C-alpha atoms as a PDB file:
ATOM      1  CA  MET A   1      -0.009  -0.032   0.044  1.00  0.00           C
ATOM      2  CA  ARG A   2       2.767   2.446   0.980  1.00  0.00           C
ATOM      3  CA  HIS A   3       4.491   1.757  -2.475  1.00  0.00           C
ATOM      4  CA  LYS A   4       1.312   2.448  -4.318  1.00  0.00           C
ATOM      5  CA  ILE A   5       0.761   5.685  -2.399  1.00  0.00           C
ATOM      6  CA  PHE A   6       4.374   6.815  -3.214  1.00  0.00           C
ATOM      7  CA  LEU A   7       3.988   6.213  -6.882  1.00  0.00           C
ATOM      8  CA  VAL A   8       0.713   8.244  -7.030  1.00  0.00           C
ATOM      9  CA  CYS A   9       2.375  11.083  -5.082  1.00  0.00           C
ATOM     10  CA  PHE A  10       5.447  11.029  -7.292  1.00  0.00           C
ATOM     11  CA  SER A  11       3.552  10.864 -10.430  1.00  0.00           C
ATOM     12  CA  PHE A  12       1.399  14.074  -9.308  1.00  0.00           C
ATOM     13  CA  LEU A  13       4.605  15.878  -8.340  1.00  0.00           C
ATOM     14  CA  LEU A  14       6.103  15.138 -11.652  1.00  0.00           C
ATOM     15  CA  LEU A  15       3.275  16.594 -13.533  1.00  0.00           C
ATOM     16  CA  ILE A  16       3.467  19.654 -11.509  1.00  0.00           C
ATOM     17  CA  MET A  17       7.249  20.161 -11.903  1.00  0.00           C
ATOM     18  CA  MET A  18       7.364  19.373 -15.710  1.00  0.00           C
ATOM     19  CA  PRO A  19       6.626  22.927 -16.935  1.00  0.00           C
ATOM     20  CA  ALA A  20       9.573  24.280 -15.080  1.00  0.00           C
ATOM     21  CA  TRP A  21      12.104  22.031 -16.771  1.00  0.00           C
ATOM     22  CA  GLY A  22      13.752  24.297 -19.380  1.00  0.00           C
ATOM     23  CA  GLN A  23      10.535  26.371 -19.574  1.00  0.00           C
ATOM     24  CA  THR A  24       8.793  23.539 -21.304  1.00  0.00           C
ATOM     25  CA  THR A  25       5.149  22.583 -21.069  1.00  0.00           C
ATOM     26  CA  VAL A  26       4.262  18.928 -21.489  1.00  0.00           C
ATOM     27  CA  ILE A  27       0.568  18.217 -21.815  1.00  0.00           C
ATOM     28  CA  ARG A  28      -1.216  14.943 -21.654  1.00  0.00           C
ATOM     29  CA  ARG A  29      -3.253  14.028 -24.683  1.00  0.00           C
ATOM     30  CA  GLN A  30      -6.751  13.576 -23.361  1.00  0.00           C
ATOM     31  CA  THR A  31      -7.997  11.165 -26.110  1.00  0.00           C
ATOM     32  CA  ILE A  32      -5.797   8.275 -24.984  1.00  0.00           C
ATOM     33  CA  THR A  33      -7.728   5.788 -22.953  1.00  0.00           C
ATOM     34  CA  ALA A  34      -6.220   2.413 -23.756  1.00  0.00           C
ATOM     35  CA  LYS A  35      -3.817   1.064 -21.149  1.00  0.00           C
ATOM     36  CA  PRO A  36      -0.982  -1.219 -22.329  1.00  0.00           C
ATOM     37  CA  ASN A  37       0.192  -4.212 -20.421  1.00  0.00           C
ATOM     38  CA  THR A  38       3.279  -2.832 -18.520  1.00  0.00           C
ATOM     39  CA  THR A  39       4.449  -5.961 -16.653  1.00  0.00           C
ATOM     40  CA  SER A  40       7.688  -5.617 -14.990  1.00  0.00           C
ATOM     41  CA  GLY A  41      10.420  -7.787 -16.578  1.00  0.00           C
ATOM     42  CA  ALA A  42      10.536  -9.206 -19.980  1.00  0.00           C
ATOM     43  CA  ASN A  43       9.281 -12.720 -18.891  1.00  0.00           C
ATOM     44  CA  GLY A  44      11.410 -14.393 -21.531  1.00  0.00           C
ATOM     45  CA  VAL A  45      10.282 -12.149 -24.322  1.00  0.00           C
ATOM     46  CA  ARG A  46      13.087 -11.839 -26.930  1.00  0.00           C
ATOM     47  CA  VAL A  47      13.673  -8.897 -29.148  1.00  0.00           C
ATOM     48  CA  SER A  48      13.366  -9.634 -32.860  1.00  0.00           C
ATOM     49  CA  GLU A  49      16.307  -9.219 -35.040  1.00  0.00           C
ATOM     50  CA  GLY A  50      16.703  -7.711 -38.491  1.00  0.00           C
ATOM     51  CA  GLU A  51      16.265  -4.170 -40.013  1.00  0.00           C
ATOM     52  CA  TYR A  52      12.582  -3.972 -39.065  1.00  0.00           C
ATOM     53  CA  VAL A  53       9.840  -6.094 -37.427  1.00  0.00           C
ATOM     54  CA  ASP A  54       6.272  -6.742 -38.463  1.00  0.00           C
ATOM     55  CA  LEU A  55       4.428  -6.648 -35.096  1.00  0.00           C
ATOM     56  CA  GLY A  56       1.031  -7.682 -36.790  1.00  0.00           C
ATOM     57  CA  LEU A  57      -0.364  -4.261 -36.465  1.00  0.00           C
ATOM     58  CA  PRO A  58      -3.750  -3.590 -38.271  1.00  0.00           C
ATOM     59  CA  SER A  59      -2.240  -0.998 -40.652  1.00  0.00           C
ATOM     60  CA  GLY A  60       0.691  -3.253 -41.461  1.00  0.00           C
ATOM     61  CA  THR A  61       3.206  -0.601 -40.167  1.00  0.00           C
ATOM     62  CA  LEU A  62       6.741  -2.084 -39.810  1.00  0.00           C
ATOM     63  CA  TRP A  63       8.907  -0.695 -36.932  1.00  0.00           C
ATOM     64  CA  ALA A  64      12.601  -0.489 -37.213  1.00  0.00           C
ATOM     65  CA  THR A  65      14.662  -2.427 -34.545  1.00  0.00           C
ATOM     66  CA  LYS A  66      16.930   0.448 -33.745  1.00  0.00           C
ATOM     67  CA  ASN A  67      16.895   4.218 -33.143  1.00  0.00           C
ATOM     68  CA  ILE A  68      18.361   6.460 -35.807  1.00  0.00           C
ATOM     69  CA  GLY A  69      22.088   6.653 -35.164  1.00  0.00           C
ATOM     70  CA  ALA A  70      22.097   3.314 -33.173  1.00  0.00           C
ATOM     71  CA  ASN A  71      23.864   0.197 -34.260  1.00  0.00           C
ATOM     72  CA  LYS A  72      22.006  -2.090 -31.769  1.00  0.00           C
ATOM     73  CA  PRO A  73      18.519  -2.085 -30.264  1.00  0.00           C
ATOM     74  CA  GLU A  74      19.783  -1.090 -26.825  1.00  0.00           C
ATOM     75  CA  GLU A  75      21.658   1.929 -28.035  1.00  0.00           C
ATOM     76  CA  TYR A  76      20.021   5.355 -27.616  1.00  0.00           C
ATOM     77  CA  GLY A  77      21.307   6.641 -31.032  1.00  0.00           C
ATOM     78  CA  ASP A  78      21.240  10.256 -32.072  1.00  0.00           C
ATOM     79  CA  TYR A  79      19.166  13.027 -30.704  1.00  0.00           C
ATOM     80  CA  PHE A  80      17.225  15.506 -32.998  1.00  0.00           C
ATOM     81  CA  ALA A  81      15.152  18.553 -32.640  1.00  0.00           C
ATOM     82  CA  TRP A  82      11.766  18.287 -34.203  1.00  0.00           C
ATOM     83  CA  GLY A  83      11.992  18.772 -37.960  1.00  0.00           C
ATOM     84  CA  GLU A  84      15.749  18.836 -38.079  1.00  0.00           C
ATOM     85  CA  THR A  85      17.832  15.957 -39.784  1.00  0.00           C
ATOM     86  CA  LYS A  86      21.090  16.186 -37.964  1.00  0.00           C
ATOM     87  CA  PRO A  87      22.059  15.938 -34.319  1.00  0.00           C
ATOM     88  CA  LYS A  88      23.911  18.879 -32.724  1.00  0.00           C
ATOM     89  CA  LYS A  89      25.664  19.890 -29.678  1.00  0.00           C
ATOM     90  CA  GLU A  90      23.023  22.201 -28.128  1.00  0.00           C
ATOM     91  CA  TYR A  91      19.306  22.036 -28.171  1.00  0.00           C
ATOM     92  CA  THR A  92      17.701  25.429 -27.512  1.00  0.00           C
ATOM     93  CA  TRP A  93      15.275  27.800 -29.160  1.00  0.00           C
ATOM     94  CA  GLU A  94      18.320  29.840 -30.202  1.00  0.00           C
ATOM     95  CA  THR A  95      19.714  26.850 -32.149  1.00  0.00           C
ATOM     96  CA  TYR A  96      16.281  25.583 -33.527  1.00  0.00           C
ATOM     97  CA  LYS A  97      15.984  25.649 -37.281  1.00  0.00           C
ATOM     98  CA  TRP A  98      12.211  26.514 -37.631  1.00  0.00           C
ATOM     99  CA  CYS A  99      11.948  29.581 -35.469  1.00  0.00           C
ATOM    100  CA  ASN A 100      13.574  33.082 -35.287  1.00  0.00           C
ATOM    101  CA  GLY A 101      15.397  32.176 -32.122  1.00  0.00           C
ATOM    102  CA  THR A 102      12.447  32.281 -29.736  1.00  0.00           C
ATOM    103  CA  SER A 103       9.415  30.141 -29.078  1.00  0.00           C
ATOM    104  CA  GLY A 104       7.102  32.961 -30.046  1.00  0.00           C
ATOM    105  CA  PHE A 105       7.871  33.000 -33.890  1.00  0.00           C
ATOM    106  CA  MET A 106       7.701  29.820 -35.940  1.00  0.00           C
ATOM    107  CA  THR A 107       8.982  30.026 -39.532  1.00  0.00           C
ATOM    108  CA  LYS A 108       7.373  26.702 -40.531  1.00  0.00           C
ATOM    109  CA  TYR A 109       4.639  24.267 -39.269  1.00  0.00           C
ATOM    110  CA  ASN A 110       2.454  26.906 -37.740  1.00  0.00           C
ATOM    111  CA  ASN A 111      -1.346  27.601 -38.187  1.00  0.00           C
ATOM    112  CA  ASN A 112      -1.652  30.789 -36.033  1.00  0.00           C
ATOM    113  CA  GLU A 113      -0.201  34.176 -37.376  1.00  0.00           C
ATOM    114  CA  LYS A 114       0.177  35.320 -33.768  1.00  0.00           C
ATOM    115  CA  TYR A 115       3.040  32.876 -33.554  1.00  0.00           C
ATOM    116  CA  GLY A 116       4.879  33.334 -36.923  1.00  0.00           C
ATOM    117  CA  THR A 117       4.490  32.409 -40.585  1.00  0.00           C
ATOM    118  CA  VAL A 118       1.347  30.469 -41.346  1.00  0.00           C
ATOM    119  CA  ASP A 119       1.575  27.426 -43.521  1.00  0.00           C
ATOM    120  CA  ASN A 120      -1.022  25.166 -41.758  1.00  0.00           C
ATOM    121  CA  LYS A 121       1.238  22.135 -41.954  1.00  0.00           C
ATOM    122  CA  SER A 122       0.871  19.573 -39.133  1.00  0.00           C
ATOM    123  CA  GLU A 123       3.148  16.833 -40.467  1.00  0.00           C
ATOM    124  CA  LEU A 124       6.797  17.078 -41.468  1.00  0.00           C
ATOM    125  CA  ASP A 125       7.789  17.485 -45.132  1.00  0.00           C
ATOM    126  CA  LEU A 126       9.978  14.672 -46.338  1.00  0.00           C
ATOM    127  CA  GLU A 127      13.114  16.945 -46.407  1.00  0.00           C
ATOM    128  CA  ASP A 128      12.599  17.666 -42.697  1.00  0.00           C
ATOM    129  CA  ASP A 129      11.893  13.944 -41.715  1.00  0.00           C
ATOM    130  CA  ALA A 130      15.046  12.747 -39.930  1.00  0.00           C
ATOM    131  CA  ALA A 131      14.088   8.987 -40.854  1.00  0.00           C
ATOM    132  CA  TYR A 132      13.627   9.663 -44.524  1.00  0.00           C
ATOM    133  CA  VAL A 133      16.793  11.724 -44.706  1.00  0.00           C
ATOM    134  CA  ASN A 134      19.058   9.350 -42.723  1.00  0.00           C
ATOM    135  CA  ARG A 135      17.532   5.978 -43.443  1.00  0.00           C
ATOM    136  CA  GLY A 136      16.246   6.337 -47.065  1.00  0.00           C
ATOM    137  CA  ASN A 137      12.949   6.794 -48.917  1.00  0.00           C
ATOM    138  CA  SER A 138      11.267   3.791 -47.338  1.00  0.00           C
ATOM    139  CA  TRP A 139      11.511   5.174 -43.866  1.00  0.00           C
ATOM    140  CA  ARG A 140       9.631   7.883 -42.080  1.00  0.00           C
ATOM    141  CA  MET A 141       9.171   9.140 -38.568  1.00  0.00           C
ATOM    142  CA  PRO A 142       5.868   7.575 -37.184  1.00  0.00           C
ATOM    143  CA  THR A 143       2.646   9.719 -36.902  1.00  0.00           C
ATOM    144  CA  PHE A 144       1.026  10.138 -33.546  1.00  0.00           C
ATOM    145  CA  GLU A 145      -1.816   7.751 -34.900  1.00  0.00           C
ATOM    146  CA  GLN A 146       0.994   5.159 -35.599  1.00  0.00           C
ATOM    147  CA  PHE A 147       2.166   5.438 -31.989  1.00  0.00           C
ATOM    148  CA  LEU A 148      -1.288   5.015 -30.727  1.00  0.00           C
ATOM    149  CA  GLU A 149      -1.755   1.935 -32.884  1.00  0.00           C
ATOM    150  CA  LEU A 150       1.422   0.419 -31.460  1.00  0.00           C
ATOM    151  CA  ARG A 151       0.276   1.194 -27.844  1.00  0.00           C
ATOM    152  CA  GLN A 152      -3.124  -0.133 -28.241  1.00  0.00           C
ATOM    153  CA  ASN A 153      -2.138  -3.470 -30.112  1.00  0.00           C
ATOM    154  CA  CYS A 154       1.007  -4.496 -28.162  1.00  0.00           C
ATOM    155  CA  ASN A 155       1.890  -5.544 -24.694  1.00  0.00           C
ATOM    156  CA  TYR A 156       4.774  -3.609 -23.025  1.00  0.00           C
ATOM    157  CA  TYR A 157       7.298  -4.930 -20.497  1.00  0.00           C
ATOM    158  CA  ARG A 158       9.520  -2.824 -18.359  1.00  0.00           C
ATOM    159  CA  THR A 159      12.949  -4.293 -18.250  1.00  0.00           C
ATOM    160  CA  ARG A 160      16.743  -3.841 -18.405  1.00  0.00           C
ATOM    161  CA  TYR A 161      17.756  -5.167 -21.812  1.00  0.00           C
ATOM    162  CA  LYS A 162      21.502  -5.770 -22.081  1.00  0.00           C
ATOM    163  CA  GLY A 163      21.995  -3.348 -19.201  1.00  0.00           C
ATOM    164  CA  VAL A 164      19.853  -0.636 -20.674  1.00  0.00           C
ATOM    165  CA  TYR A 165      16.502   0.412 -19.099  1.00  0.00           C
ATOM    166  CA  GLY A 166      13.367   0.590 -21.366  1.00  0.00           C
ATOM    167  CA  TYR A 167      10.363  -1.324 -22.719  1.00  0.00           C
ATOM    168  CA  ILE A 168      10.078  -4.359 -24.868  1.00  0.00           C
ATOM    169  CA  VAL A 169       7.040  -3.987 -27.082  1.00  0.00           C
ATOM    170  CA  LYS A 170       5.488  -7.379 -28.083  1.00  0.00           C
ATOM    171  CA  GLY A 171       3.020  -7.706 -30.839  1.00  0.00           C
ATOM    172  CA  LYS A 172       0.085 -10.101 -30.922  1.00  0.00           C
ATOM    173  CA  ASN A 173       2.059 -12.220 -33.288  1.00  0.00           C
ATOM    174  CA  GLY A 174       4.930 -12.789 -30.745  1.00  0.00           C
ATOM    175  CA  LYS A 175       7.433 -10.504 -32.437  1.00  0.00           C
ATOM    176  CA  SER A 176       9.030  -7.698 -30.365  1.00  0.00           C
ATOM    177  CA  ILE A 177      11.069  -4.538 -30.522  1.00  0.00           C
ATOM    178  CA  PHE A 178      13.048  -2.746 -27.622  1.00  0.00           C
ATOM    179  CA  LEU A 179      12.607   1.038 -27.058  1.00  0.00           C
ATOM    180  CA  PRO A 180      15.604   2.214 -24.709  1.00  0.00           C
ATOM    181  CA  SER A 181      14.786   5.035 -22.228  1.00  0.00           C
ATOM    182  CA  GLY A 182      17.467   7.515 -23.348  1.00  0.00           C
ATOM    183  CA  ASP A 183      15.932  10.664 -21.882  1.00  0.00           C
ATOM    184  CA  GLU A 184      16.708  13.588 -23.999  1.00  0.00           C
ATOM    185  CA  GLY A 185      19.774  15.453 -25.205  1.00  0.00           C
ATOM    186  CA  ASP A 186      20.325  18.490 -22.832  1.00  0.00           C
ATOM    187  CA  LYS A 187      22.123  21.752 -23.723  1.00  0.00           C
ATOM    188  CA  LYS A 188      25.324  19.762 -23.982  1.00  0.00           C
ATOM    189  CA  GLY A 189      23.770  16.896 -25.878  1.00  0.00           C
ATOM    190  CA  GLN A 190      24.104  14.510 -23.016  1.00  0.00           C
ATOM    191  CA  VAL A 191      21.743  11.956 -21.616  1.00  0.00           C
ATOM    192  CA  LYS A 192      20.846  12.861 -17.934  1.00  0.00           C
ATOM    193  CA  ASN A 193      18.222  10.180 -16.776  1.00  0.00           C
ATOM    194  CA  ASP A 194      17.732   6.749 -18.234  1.00  0.00           C
ATOM    195  CA  SER A 195      14.340   6.399 -16.308  1.00  0.00           C
ATOM    196  CA  PHE A 196      12.715   8.372 -19.257  1.00  0.00           C
ATOM    197  CA  GLY A 197      12.522   7.966 -22.936  1.00  0.00           C
ATOM    198  CA  PHE A 198      11.164  10.458 -25.312  1.00  0.00           C
ATOM    199  CA  TYR A 199      10.596   9.829 -28.939  1.00  0.00           C
ATOM    200  CA  TRP A 200       9.375  12.177 -31.613  1.00  0.00           C
ATOM    201  CA  THR A 201       6.578  11.608 -33.998  1.00  0.00           C
ATOM    202  CA  ARG A 202       6.250  13.540 -37.234  1.00  0.00           C
ATOM    203  CA  SER A 203       2.868  15.061 -36.159  1.00  0.00           C
ATOM    204  CA  ALA A 204       2.137  18.407 -34.696  1.00  0.00           C
ATOM    205  CA  PRO A 205      -0.979  19.457 -32.806  1.00  0.00           C
ATOM    206  CA  THR A 206      -3.343  21.984 -34.415  1.00  0.00           C
ATOM    207  CA  LYS A 207      -5.530  22.772 -31.464  1.00  0.00           C
ATOM    208  CA  PRO A 208      -4.915  23.984 -27.886  1.00  0.00           C
ATOM    209  CA  TRP A 209      -4.404  21.403 -25.148  1.00  0.00           C
ATOM    210  CA  ALA A 210      -5.312  22.501 -21.512  1.00  0.00           C
ATOM    211  CA  GLY A 211      -5.181  26.094 -22.439  1.00  0.00           C
ATOM    212  CA  THR A 212      -1.791  26.005 -24.166  1.00  0.00           C
ATOM    213  CA  ASP A 213      -1.505  27.048 -27.938  1.00  0.00           C
ATOM    214  CA  PRO A 214       0.056  24.265 -30.083  1.00  0.00           C
ATOM    215  CA  ALA A 215       2.555  26.583 -31.711  1.00  0.00           C
ATOM    216  CA  GLY A 216       5.990  25.367 -31.116  1.00  0.00           C
ATOM    217  CA  TYR A 217       5.019  21.957 -29.932  1.00  0.00           C
ATOM    218  CA  ALA A 218       5.053  18.366 -31.468  1.00  0.00           C
ATOM    219  CA  TYR A 219       3.688  15.066 -30.425  1.00  0.00           C
ATOM    220  CA  ILE A 220       5.894  12.531 -28.747  1.00  0.00           C
ATOM    221  CA  TYR A 221       5.596   9.201 -27.026  1.00  0.00           C
ATOM    222  CA  TRP A 222       6.997   9.089 -23.570  1.00  0.00           C
ATOM    223  CA  LEU A 223       8.327   6.095 -21.824  1.00  0.00           C
ATOM    224  CA  TYR A 224       8.581   6.242 -17.869  1.00  0.00           C
ATOM    225  CA  ILE A 225      10.214   3.225 -16.464  1.00  0.00           C
ATOM    226  CA  ASN A 226       7.805   3.090 -13.421  1.00  0.00           C
ATOM    227  CA  ASN A 227       4.620   4.314 -15.082  1.00  0.00           C
ATOM    228  CA  GLY A 228       4.101   3.044 -18.546  1.00  0.00           C
ATOM    229  CA  ILE A 229       3.982   4.594 -21.945  1.00  0.00           C
ATOM    230  CA  ASP A 230       1.819   7.569 -22.903  1.00  0.00           C
ATOM    231  CA  GLY A 231       1.474  10.397 -25.624  1.00  0.00           C
ATOM    232  CA  TYR A 232       2.284  14.021 -24.881  1.00  0.00           C
ATOM    233  CA  ILE A 233       3.388  17.169 -26.636  1.00  0.00           C
ATOM    234  CA  PHE A 234       6.812  18.713 -26.220  1.00  0.00           C
ATOM    235  CA  SER A 235       8.632  21.750 -27.311  1.00  0.00           C
ATOM    236  CA  ARG A 236      10.201  21.284 -30.761  1.00  0.00           C
ATOM    237  CA  TYR A 237      13.747  22.401 -29.909  1.00  0.00           C
ATOM    238  CA  ARG A 238      14.267  19.543 -27.654  1.00  0.00           C
ATOM    239  CA  GLY A 239      16.743  16.779 -28.593  1.00  0.00           C
ATOM    240  CA  LEU A 240      14.939  13.390 -28.644  1.00  0.00           C
ATOM    241  CA  ASN A 241      15.395   9.961 -30.087  1.00  0.00           C
ATOM    242  CA  ILE A 242      13.487   8.686 -33.162  1.00  0.00           C
ATOM    243  CA  ARG A 243      12.325   5.075 -34.029  1.00  0.00           C
ATOM    244  CA  PRO A 244      11.496   5.008 -37.732  1.00  0.00           C
ATOM    245  CA  VAL A 245       8.764   3.130 -39.416  1.00  0.00           C
ATOM    246  CA  ARG A 246       7.906   1.966 -42.866  1.00  0.00           C
ATOM    247  CA  ASN A 247       5.107   0.165 -44.904  1.00  0.00           C
ATOM    248  CA  LYS A 248       5.060  -3.200 -46.078  1.00  0.00           C
END
């Protein structure tokens, strides 16, 4: 009982503190209702090998076995700001490609003239998709809907795989991938906390969430080693990992 009370209190405190981290607001996507199986330990589940894995998803989406920049499933790989195709040393609004140096003026992927140039784009163009640019024309960053499909059609197992914290994601057909919890690249491009994992999608919100305007944000999927997997929005300048997808 004490353990459950501690987790509830810690989760509440985490949500309160998040907006203060680097002036970043993280907002829960309210439309997510399905809860994955987040059993502790892999229970003998094996990570599938090869370049990609067919997890038996309804859409037929194939998920890569490794992050961009990684040579093995357990490696974090490279970190990218949203809409950028190369890793860098610092992740700030000042170094972000698609703004004028601040969060108040977007130069691309914006639907509100109050916050910069309006183009009404809510998905990355191919030239701004890190998976397409770094892996080839068969690969894309996943949409937020593809993450939802993964979340709702697979079981998740919290584990340490080859010494790295993360989640094994097992499809109904028995095949699996491993998503390492690589946190984010900070201002020096260094990983600070392997209890968290943040992964970009190629989708950006078009409507306010909890009173926050969507300008400057993009959808992510968030791994928390003690609390499961969920979807959120995150400031675009942040350096996060990317797990590519492709079609059959």
